[in-house]
Amino acid sequence: MARALQACASGPLLHVSMDSFCEMLPDRAWDDADFFRFESRGSPAEPATEVLTGPKGAALLAAMRATVADLARRGLDVVVDDVWLDGEPAEYAALLAGHSVWRIGLTAPLDIVEAREMSRSDRMHGLSRAQFERVHGGVRYDLMIDVSLRSAQEAAQQIAALVGL
């Protein structure tokens, strides 16, 4: 989605991804209580894998949010790909006060999200089920898009029209 938005934007748009920040970690930092620990719940037929963020994982994600704010302060336009689980919208609001910010929520039915998760080699099975209700809870969006009903290009054009890209 971020690449599609970059492609249809009239000017440069930087893509900051939570995954890119997490990929900086060595393998040994995964399933480590200081960084990110995974707790499996549910049944084998319907696995749910909860991500528990430790203090160093929280510091990494806070650094990502600070980086986004620094890029914005320097006059750069940014699209942020993040999964909100623990108060991130409030922290972003404080860090980006005075900047134009649009919150775009991307969603799809759980069965489609799980099928996409299964098709990716970089996803632990059950993450989407555990996060499905949690990631959008209490967040006010400027636009919510069901990505099962639109192509990435169509959704990106809708976002670009809303925000004036």
N, C-alpha and C. Protein backbone atom coordinates (compact mmCIF):
# COMPACT_ATOMS: atom_id res chain seq x y z
N MET A 1 0.82 -1.18 0.00
CA MET A 1 0.00 0.00 0.00
C MET A 1 0.87 1.25 0.00
N ALA A 2 1.91 1.25 0.84
CA ALA A 2 2.79 2.42 0.91
C ALA A 2 3.47 2.66 -0.43
N ARG A 3 3.91 1.60 -1.10
CA ARG A 3 4.55 1.76 -2.42
C ARG A 3 3.55 2.31 -3.43
N ALA A 4 2.32 1.84 -3.38
CA ALA A 4 1.29 2.34 -4.29
C ALA A 4 1.02 3.81 -4.02
N LEU A 5 1.03 4.21 -2.76
CA LEU A 5 0.83 5.61 -2.41
C LEU A 5 2.01 6.45 -2.88
N GLN A 6 3.22 5.95 -2.73
CA GLN A 6 4.39 6.66 -3.24
C GLN A 6 4.29 6.85 -4.76
N ALA A 7 3.80 5.83 -5.45
CA ALA A 7 3.71 5.88 -6.91
C ALA A 7 2.69 6.91 -7.40
N CYS A 8 1.62 7.11 -6.66
CA CYS A 8 0.59 8.04 -7.13
C CYS A 8 0.73 9.44 -6.53
N ALA A 9 1.62 9.63 -5.58
CA ALA A 9 1.82 10.95 -4.98
C ALA A 9 2.53 11.87 -5.97
N SER A 10 2.18 13.14 -5.95
CA SER A 10 2.79 14.09 -6.89
C SER A 10 4.22 14.44 -6.49
N GLY A 11 4.57 14.28 -5.23
CA GLY A 11 5.93 14.58 -4.78
C GLY A 11 6.51 13.42 -4.01
N PRO A 12 7.77 13.55 -3.58
CA PRO A 12 8.41 12.47 -2.83
C PRO A 12 7.70 12.20 -1.50
N LEU A 13 7.53 10.94 -1.21
CA LEU A 13 6.88 10.49 0.00
C LEU A 13 7.74 9.38 0.58
N LEU A 14 8.29 9.60 1.78
CA LEU A 14 9.13 8.59 2.41
C LEU A 14 8.26 7.53 3.08
N HIS A 15 8.70 6.29 3.04
CA HIS A 15 7.97 5.19 3.66
C HIS A 15 8.76 4.72 4.88
N VAL A 16 8.16 4.89 6.05
CA VAL A 16 8.76 4.40 7.30
C VAL A 16 7.90 3.24 7.77
N SER A 17 8.54 2.09 7.92
CA SER A 17 7.82 0.86 8.24
C SER A 17 8.28 0.30 9.58
N MET A 18 7.31 -0.09 10.39
CA MET A 18 7.61 -0.77 11.64
C MET A 18 8.45 -2.02 11.37
N ASP A 19 8.10 -2.74 10.30
CA ASP A 19 8.85 -3.95 9.96
C ASP A 19 10.32 -3.64 9.71
N SER A 20 10.61 -2.53 9.02
CA SER A 20 12.01 -2.17 8.74
C SER A 20 12.78 -1.92 10.02
N PHE A 21 12.14 -1.27 10.99
CA PHE A 21 12.80 -1.04 12.26
C PHE A 21 13.03 -2.36 12.99
N CYS A 22 12.04 -3.23 12.99
CA CYS A 22 12.18 -4.52 13.66
C CYS A 22 13.20 -5.42 12.97
N GLU A 23 13.36 -5.27 11.66
CA GLU A 23 14.34 -6.08 10.93
C GLU A 23 15.77 -5.71 11.27
N MET A 24 15.98 -4.59 11.94
CA MET A 24 17.32 -4.21 12.38
C MET A 24 17.81 -5.11 13.51
N LEU A 25 16.88 -5.77 14.17
CA LEU A 25 17.23 -6.62 15.31
C LEU A 25 17.91 -7.92 14.84
N PRO A 26 18.87 -8.41 15.63
CA PRO A 26 19.41 -9.74 15.33
C PRO A 26 18.37 -10.79 15.67
N ASP A 27 18.48 -11.95 15.06
CA ASP A 27 17.52 -13.03 15.29
C ASP A 27 17.35 -13.36 16.78
N ARG A 28 18.43 -13.28 17.55
CA ARG A 28 18.36 -13.66 18.96
C ARG A 28 17.48 -12.72 19.79
N ALA A 29 17.14 -11.54 19.25
CA ALA A 29 16.30 -10.58 19.98
C ALA A 29 14.81 -10.93 19.85
N TRP A 30 14.49 -11.87 18.96
CA TRP A 30 13.09 -12.28 18.81
C TRP A 30 12.78 -13.36 19.82
N ASP A 31 11.63 -13.26 20.40
CA ASP A 31 11.18 -14.13 21.48
C ASP A 31 12.08 -13.97 22.70
N ASP A 32 12.50 -12.73 22.93
CA ASP A 32 13.33 -12.33 24.06
C ASP A 32 12.49 -11.34 24.87
N ALA A 33 12.37 -11.58 26.16
CA ALA A 33 11.51 -10.74 27.00
C ALA A 33 11.91 -9.27 26.99
N ASP A 34 13.17 -8.95 26.71
CA ASP A 34 13.60 -7.55 26.64
C ASP A 34 13.11 -6.87 25.36
N PHE A 35 12.92 -7.64 24.31
CA PHE A 35 12.51 -7.07 23.02
C PHE A 35 11.06 -7.44 22.71
N PHE A 36 10.87 -8.58 22.10
CA PHE A 36 9.52 -9.03 21.73
C PHE A 36 9.39 -10.51 22.05
N ARG A 37 8.39 -10.84 22.83
CA ARG A 37 8.13 -12.23 23.18
C ARG A 37 6.79 -12.62 22.58
N PHE A 38 6.66 -13.87 22.19
CA PHE A 38 5.44 -14.35 21.54
C PHE A 38 4.77 -15.38 22.42
N GLU A 39 3.49 -15.19 22.62
CA GLU A 39 2.71 -16.09 23.45
C GLU A 39 1.58 -16.67 22.61
N SER A 40 1.59 -17.98 22.45
CA SER A 40 0.57 -18.65 21.64
C SER A 40 -0.66 -18.95 22.47
N ARG A 41 -1.81 -18.67 21.87
CA ARG A 41 -3.10 -18.95 22.49
C ARG A 41 -3.99 -19.56 21.43
N GLY A 42 -5.17 -19.90 21.83
CA GLY A 42 -6.12 -20.46 20.86
C GLY A 42 -5.86 -21.93 20.62
N SER A 43 -6.41 -22.41 19.52
CA SER A 43 -6.30 -23.83 19.19
C SER A 43 -5.43 -23.99 17.94
N PRO A 44 -5.00 -25.21 17.63
CA PRO A 44 -4.23 -25.42 16.40
C PRO A 44 -5.00 -24.98 15.14
N ALA A 45 -6.32 -25.13 15.18
CA ALA A 45 -7.14 -24.73 14.03
C ALA A 45 -7.29 -23.22 13.94
N GLU A 46 -7.25 -22.54 15.08
CA GLU A 46 -7.39 -21.09 15.13
C GLU A 46 -6.32 -20.50 16.05
N PRO A 47 -5.04 -20.54 15.61
CA PRO A 47 -3.97 -20.04 16.47
C PRO A 47 -4.04 -18.52 16.64
N ALA A 48 -3.68 -18.07 17.80
CA ALA A 48 -3.57 -16.64 18.08
C ALA A 48 -2.23 -16.43 18.78
N THR A 49 -1.38 -15.62 18.18
CA THR A 49 -0.05 -15.38 18.73
C THR A 49 0.04 -13.92 19.16
N GLU A 50 0.12 -13.73 20.45
CA GLU A 50 0.19 -12.39 21.04
C GLU A 50 1.65 -11.93 21.06
N VAL A 51 1.88 -10.66 20.73
CA VAL A 51 3.21 -10.07 20.83
C VAL A 51 3.27 -9.29 22.13
N LEU A 52 4.23 -9.62 22.96
CA LEU A 52 4.44 -8.91 24.22
C LEU A 52 5.73 -8.11 24.07
N THR A 53 5.62 -6.82 24.21
CA THR A 53 6.76 -5.93 23.98
C THR A 53 7.50 -5.67 25.29
N GLY A 54 8.80 -5.96 25.28
CA GLY A 54 9.64 -5.69 26.43
C GLY A 54 10.20 -4.28 26.39
N PRO A 55 10.98 -3.89 27.37
CA PRO A 55 11.47 -2.51 27.45
C PRO A 55 12.36 -2.09 26.27
N LYS A 56 13.20 -2.98 25.79
CA LYS A 56 14.05 -2.62 24.64
C LYS A 56 13.25 -2.61 23.35
N GLY A 57 12.24 -3.47 23.22
CA GLY A 57 11.35 -3.41 22.06
C GLY A 57 10.56 -2.12 22.06
N ALA A 58 10.07 -1.72 23.23
CA ALA A 58 9.34 -0.45 23.35
C ALA A 58 10.24 0.72 22.99
N ALA A 59 11.52 0.66 23.42
CA ALA A 59 12.46 1.73 23.08
C ALA A 59 12.69 1.81 21.57
N LEU A 60 12.78 0.65 20.92
CA LEU A 60 12.96 0.63 19.47
C LEU A 60 11.76 1.27 18.76
N LEU A 61 10.56 0.92 19.18
CA LEU A 61 9.37 1.47 18.53
C LEU A 61 9.20 2.94 18.85
N ALA A 62 9.58 3.37 20.05
CA ALA A 62 9.55 4.80 20.38
C ALA A 62 10.55 5.56 19.51
N ALA A 63 11.70 4.94 19.25
CA ALA A 63 12.70 5.57 18.38
C ALA A 63 12.16 5.71 16.96
N MET A 64 11.37 4.73 16.51
CA MET A 64 10.75 4.84 15.19
C MET A 64 9.82 6.04 15.15
N ARG A 65 8.97 6.18 16.18
CA ARG A 65 8.04 7.30 16.20
C ARG A 65 8.78 8.64 16.26
N ALA A 66 9.88 8.69 17.01
CA ALA A 66 10.69 9.91 17.08
C ALA A 66 11.33 10.20 15.72
N THR A 67 11.73 9.16 15.00
CA THR A 67 12.30 9.33 13.66
C THR A 67 11.26 9.92 12.71
N VAL A 68 10.04 9.40 12.78
CA VAL A 68 8.95 9.94 11.96
C VAL A 68 8.77 11.43 12.24
N ALA A 69 8.75 11.79 13.52
CA ALA A 69 8.57 13.20 13.90
C ALA A 69 9.74 14.05 13.40
N ASP A 70 10.96 13.53 13.49
CA ASP A 70 12.12 14.27 13.03
C ASP A 70 12.06 14.50 11.51
N LEU A 71 11.66 13.49 10.77
CA LEU A 71 11.51 13.64 9.32
C LEU A 71 10.48 14.72 9.00
N ALA A 72 9.36 14.70 9.72
CA ALA A 72 8.32 15.71 9.51
C ALA A 72 8.83 17.11 9.85
N ARG A 73 9.57 17.24 10.95
CA ARG A 73 10.13 18.55 11.33
C ARG A 73 11.07 19.08 10.27
N ARG A 74 11.69 18.19 9.54
CA ARG A 74 12.64 18.59 8.49
C ARG A 74 11.94 18.85 7.15
N GLY A 75 10.60 18.83 7.17
CA GLY A 75 9.83 19.18 5.99
C GLY A 75 9.61 18.05 5.01
N LEU A 76 9.83 16.83 5.44
CA LEU A 76 9.66 15.67 4.56
C LEU A 76 8.28 15.06 4.77
N ASP A 77 7.65 14.63 3.70
CA ASP A 77 6.36 13.96 3.76
C ASP A 77 6.60 12.47 3.98
N VAL A 78 5.84 11.89 4.89
CA VAL A 78 6.08 10.51 5.33
C VAL A 78 4.78 9.72 5.34
N VAL A 79 4.84 8.49 4.84
CA VAL A 79 3.76 7.53 5.06
C VAL A 79 4.31 6.50 6.03
N VAL A 80 3.57 6.27 7.11
CA VAL A 80 4.04 5.40 8.18
C VAL A 80 3.21 4.13 8.18
N ASP A 81 3.89 3.00 8.17
CA ASP A 81 3.27 1.69 8.23
C ASP A 81 3.54 1.15 9.62
N ASP A 82 2.53 1.19 10.48
CA ASP A 82 2.72 0.82 11.87
C ASP A 82 1.53 -0.01 12.34
N VAL A 83 1.74 -0.82 13.34
CA VAL A 83 0.68 -1.59 13.99
C VAL A 83 0.54 -1.02 15.39
N TRP A 84 -0.61 -0.44 15.68
CA TRP A 84 -0.81 0.21 16.97
C TRP A 84 -1.38 -0.77 17.98
N LEU A 85 -0.62 -0.99 19.05
CA LEU A 85 -1.07 -1.93 20.07
C LEU A 85 -1.11 -1.33 21.47
N ASP A 86 -0.24 -0.36 21.75
CA ASP A 86 -0.09 0.10 23.13
C ASP A 86 0.01 1.61 23.26
N GLY A 87 -0.97 2.36 22.78
CA GLY A 87 -0.98 3.80 22.98
C GLY A 87 -0.21 4.61 21.96
N GLU A 88 0.20 4.01 20.87
CA GLU A 88 0.97 4.73 19.87
C GLU A 88 0.25 5.94 19.28
N PRO A 89 -1.08 5.88 19.04
CA PRO A 89 -1.73 7.07 18.47
C PRO A 89 -1.54 8.31 19.34
N ALA A 90 -1.60 8.18 20.64
CA ALA A 90 -1.41 9.33 21.53
C ALA A 90 0.02 9.84 21.44
N GLU A 91 0.98 8.94 21.38
CA GLU A 91 2.38 9.38 21.28
C GLU A 91 2.63 10.07 19.94
N TYR A 92 2.11 9.51 18.86
CA TYR A 92 2.24 10.17 17.56
C TYR A 92 1.61 11.55 17.60
N ALA A 93 0.44 11.68 18.20
CA ALA A 93 -0.25 12.97 18.27
C ALA A 93 0.63 14.01 18.97
N ALA A 94 1.27 13.62 20.05
CA ALA A 94 2.14 14.55 20.77
C ALA A 94 3.37 14.90 19.94
N LEU A 95 4.00 13.91 19.34
CA LEU A 95 5.22 14.14 18.57
C LEU A 95 4.96 14.94 17.29
N LEU A 96 3.78 14.78 16.71
CA LEU A 96 3.49 15.42 15.42
C LEU A 96 2.56 16.63 15.55
N ALA A 97 2.42 17.15 16.77
CA ALA A 97 1.60 18.35 16.96
C ALA A 97 2.14 19.46 16.05
N GLY A 98 1.24 20.12 15.36
CA GLY A 98 1.63 21.19 14.45
C GLY A 98 1.86 20.73 13.02
N HIS A 99 1.81 19.43 12.80
CA HIS A 99 1.96 18.87 11.45
C HIS A 99 0.61 18.36 10.98
N SER A 100 0.42 18.31 9.67
CA SER A 100 -0.79 17.70 9.12
C SER A 100 -0.64 16.18 9.20
N VAL A 101 -1.59 15.54 9.85
CA VAL A 101 -1.55 14.09 10.04
C VAL A 101 -2.89 13.52 9.65
N TRP A 102 -2.87 12.46 8.85
CA TRP A 102 -4.09 11.73 8.51
C TRP A 102 -3.90 10.30 8.97
N ARG A 103 -4.88 9.80 9.67
CA ARG A 103 -4.84 8.41 10.13
C ARG A 103 -5.72 7.60 9.19
N ILE A 104 -5.08 6.67 8.53
CA ILE A 104 -5.77 5.79 7.58
C ILE A 104 -5.72 4.38 8.13
N GLY A 105 -6.87 3.78 8.35
CA GLY A 105 -6.93 2.41 8.83
C GLY A 105 -7.17 1.47 7.66
N LEU A 106 -6.39 0.42 7.62
CA LEU A 106 -6.56 -0.61 6.59
C LEU A 106 -7.09 -1.86 7.27
N THR A 107 -8.13 -2.41 6.72
CA THR A 107 -8.74 -3.59 7.31
C THR A 107 -9.22 -4.54 6.22
N ALA A 108 -9.58 -5.72 6.63
CA ALA A 108 -10.16 -6.75 5.75
C ALA A 108 -10.78 -7.79 6.68
N PRO A 109 -11.68 -8.62 6.17
CA PRO A 109 -12.23 -9.69 7.00
C PRO A 109 -11.10 -10.60 7.51
N LEU A 110 -11.30 -11.16 8.70
CA LEU A 110 -10.26 -11.97 9.34
C LEU A 110 -9.79 -13.11 8.46
N ASP A 111 -10.70 -13.80 7.75
CA ASP A 111 -10.26 -14.93 6.93
C ASP A 111 -9.31 -14.49 5.82
N ILE A 112 -9.50 -13.31 5.28
CA ILE A 112 -8.61 -12.79 4.23
C ILE A 112 -7.28 -12.38 4.83
N VAL A 113 -7.32 -11.72 5.97
CA VAL A 113 -6.08 -11.32 6.65
C VAL A 113 -5.25 -12.55 7.01
N GLU A 114 -5.92 -13.59 7.51
CA GLU A 114 -5.20 -14.81 7.87
C GLU A 114 -4.63 -15.50 6.63
N ALA A 115 -5.35 -15.51 5.53
CA ALA A 115 -4.84 -16.12 4.29
C ALA A 115 -3.60 -15.37 3.81
N ARG A 116 -3.63 -14.05 3.89
CA ARG A 116 -2.46 -13.26 3.49
C ARG A 116 -1.29 -13.53 4.43
N GLU A 117 -1.57 -13.65 5.72
CA GLU A 117 -0.53 -13.97 6.69
C GLU A 117 0.12 -15.32 6.35
N MET A 118 -0.70 -16.31 6.04
CA MET A 118 -0.19 -17.66 5.72
C MET A 118 0.67 -17.65 4.46
N SER A 119 0.39 -16.75 3.53
CA SER A 119 1.13 -16.72 2.26
C SER A 119 2.49 -16.03 2.39
N ARG A 120 2.72 -15.35 3.51
CA ARG A 120 3.97 -14.61 3.70
C ARG A 120 4.93 -15.43 4.54
N SER A 121 6.17 -15.48 4.11
CA SER A 121 7.18 -16.24 4.85
C SER A 121 7.71 -15.48 6.05
N ASP A 122 7.43 -14.18 6.13
CA ASP A 122 7.97 -13.37 7.22
C ASP A 122 6.95 -13.09 8.32
N ARG A 123 5.89 -13.90 8.39
CA ARG A 123 4.86 -13.69 9.42
C ARG A 123 4.66 -14.96 10.24
N MET A 124 4.57 -14.77 11.54
CA MET A 124 4.28 -15.86 12.45
C MET A 124 2.76 -16.10 12.39
N HIS A 125 2.36 -17.32 12.24
CA HIS A 125 0.94 -17.64 12.15
C HIS A 125 0.24 -17.34 13.47
N GLY A 126 -0.91 -16.72 13.36
CA GLY A 126 -1.71 -16.39 14.53
C GLY A 126 -1.60 -14.94 14.95
N LEU A 127 -0.64 -14.19 14.39
CA LEU A 127 -0.50 -12.77 14.76
C LEU A 127 -1.75 -11.98 14.39
N SER A 128 -2.25 -12.20 13.19
CA SER A 128 -3.41 -11.41 12.75
C SER A 128 -4.64 -11.70 13.59
N ARG A 129 -4.84 -12.93 13.99
CA ARG A 129 -6.00 -13.27 14.82
C ARG A 129 -5.89 -12.58 16.18
N ALA A 130 -4.70 -12.58 16.76
CA ALA A 130 -4.51 -11.96 18.08
C ALA A 130 -4.65 -10.45 18.01
N GLN A 131 -4.27 -9.86 16.88
CA GLN A 131 -4.29 -8.40 16.77
C GLN A 131 -5.54 -7.86 16.11
N PHE A 132 -6.37 -8.70 15.57
CA PHE A 132 -7.48 -8.28 14.72
C PHE A 132 -8.38 -7.23 15.36
N GLU A 133 -8.84 -7.48 16.56
CA GLU A 133 -9.73 -6.52 17.24
C GLU A 133 -8.94 -5.40 17.93
N ARG A 134 -7.72 -5.70 18.29
CA ARG A 134 -6.93 -4.80 19.12
C ARG A 134 -6.35 -3.60 18.38
N VAL A 135 -5.90 -3.77 17.14
CA VAL A 135 -5.14 -2.70 16.47
C VAL A 135 -5.96 -1.46 16.16
N HIS A 136 -7.25 -1.60 15.95
CA HIS A 136 -8.07 -0.44 15.61
C HIS A 136 -8.87 0.10 16.80
N GLY A 137 -8.76 -0.56 17.94
CA GLY A 137 -9.54 -0.18 19.11
C GLY A 137 -9.22 1.22 19.60
N GLY A 138 -10.23 2.05 19.74
CA GLY A 138 -10.08 3.38 20.29
C GLY A 138 -9.40 4.39 19.39
N VAL A 139 -9.19 4.07 18.12
CA VAL A 139 -8.52 4.98 17.20
C VAL A 139 -9.55 5.66 16.30
N ARG A 140 -9.46 6.97 16.20
CA ARG A 140 -10.31 7.73 15.27
C ARG A 140 -9.55 7.89 13.97
N TYR A 141 -10.09 7.34 12.91
CA TYR A 141 -9.45 7.42 11.60
C TYR A 141 -10.10 8.50 10.75
N ASP A 142 -9.28 9.07 9.88
CA ASP A 142 -9.80 10.00 8.88
C ASP A 142 -10.41 9.23 7.72
N LEU A 143 -9.93 8.01 7.54
CA LEU A 143 -10.43 7.14 6.48
C LEU A 143 -10.14 5.70 6.85
N MET A 144 -11.12 4.84 6.67
CA MET A 144 -10.94 3.40 6.89
C MET A 144 -11.19 2.73 5.55
N ILE A 145 -10.27 1.88 5.13
CA ILE A 145 -10.38 1.21 3.83
C ILE A 145 -10.35 -0.30 4.03
N ASP A 146 -11.34 -0.97 3.47
CA ASP A 146 -11.35 -2.43 3.44
C ASP A 146 -10.54 -2.84 2.22
N VAL A 147 -9.32 -3.33 2.46
CA VAL A 147 -8.41 -3.64 1.35
C VAL A 147 -8.77 -4.95 0.65
N SER A 148 -9.81 -5.62 1.11
CA SER A 148 -10.28 -6.80 0.38
C SER A 148 -11.20 -6.37 -0.77
N LEU A 149 -11.64 -5.11 -0.74
CA LEU A 149 -12.57 -4.62 -1.74
C LEU A 149 -11.92 -3.73 -2.80
N ARG A 150 -10.66 -3.36 -2.59
CA ARG A 150 -9.96 -2.45 -3.51
C ARG A 150 -8.54 -2.95 -3.74
N SER A 151 -8.01 -2.63 -4.89
CA SER A 151 -6.60 -2.90 -5.14
C SER A 151 -5.78 -1.87 -4.37
N ALA A 152 -4.50 -2.16 -4.22
CA ALA A 152 -3.62 -1.21 -3.54
C ALA A 152 -3.61 0.12 -4.27
N GLN A 153 -3.63 0.08 -5.61
CA GLN A 153 -3.62 1.31 -6.40
C GLN A 153 -4.90 2.12 -6.18
N GLU A 154 -6.03 1.45 -6.15
CA GLU A 154 -7.30 2.15 -5.93
C GLU A 154 -7.34 2.78 -4.54
N ALA A 155 -6.89 2.04 -3.55
CA ALA A 155 -6.87 2.57 -2.18
C ALA A 155 -5.89 3.74 -2.08
N ALA A 156 -4.73 3.61 -2.70
CA ALA A 156 -3.74 4.69 -2.67
C ALA A 156 -4.30 5.95 -3.33
N GLN A 157 -5.01 5.81 -4.42
CA GLN A 157 -5.60 6.98 -5.07
C GLN A 157 -6.64 7.64 -4.17
N GLN A 158 -7.39 6.83 -3.44
CA GLN A 158 -8.39 7.37 -2.50
C GLN A 158 -7.68 8.15 -1.38
N ILE A 159 -6.60 7.60 -0.87
CA ILE A 159 -5.84 8.27 0.19
C ILE A 159 -5.22 9.56 -0.35
N ALA A 160 -4.60 9.48 -1.52
CA ALA A 160 -3.95 10.66 -2.12
C ALA A 160 -4.96 11.78 -2.35
N ALA A 161 -6.16 11.44 -2.78
CA ALA A 161 -7.19 12.46 -2.99
C ALA A 161 -7.59 13.11 -1.65
N LEU A 162 -7.70 12.32 -0.60
CA LEU A 162 -8.07 12.84 0.71
C LEU A 162 -7.04 13.81 1.25
N VAL A 163 -5.77 13.43 1.16
CA VAL A 163 -4.70 14.21 1.80
C VAL A 163 -4.05 15.22 0.88
N GLY A 164 -4.44 15.25 -0.37
CA GLY A 164 -3.91 16.23 -1.30
C GLY A 164 -2.52 15.94 -1.81
N LEU A 165 -2.25 14.67 -2.03
CA LEU A 165 -0.94 14.29 -2.58
C LEU A 165 -1.01 14.35 -4.08
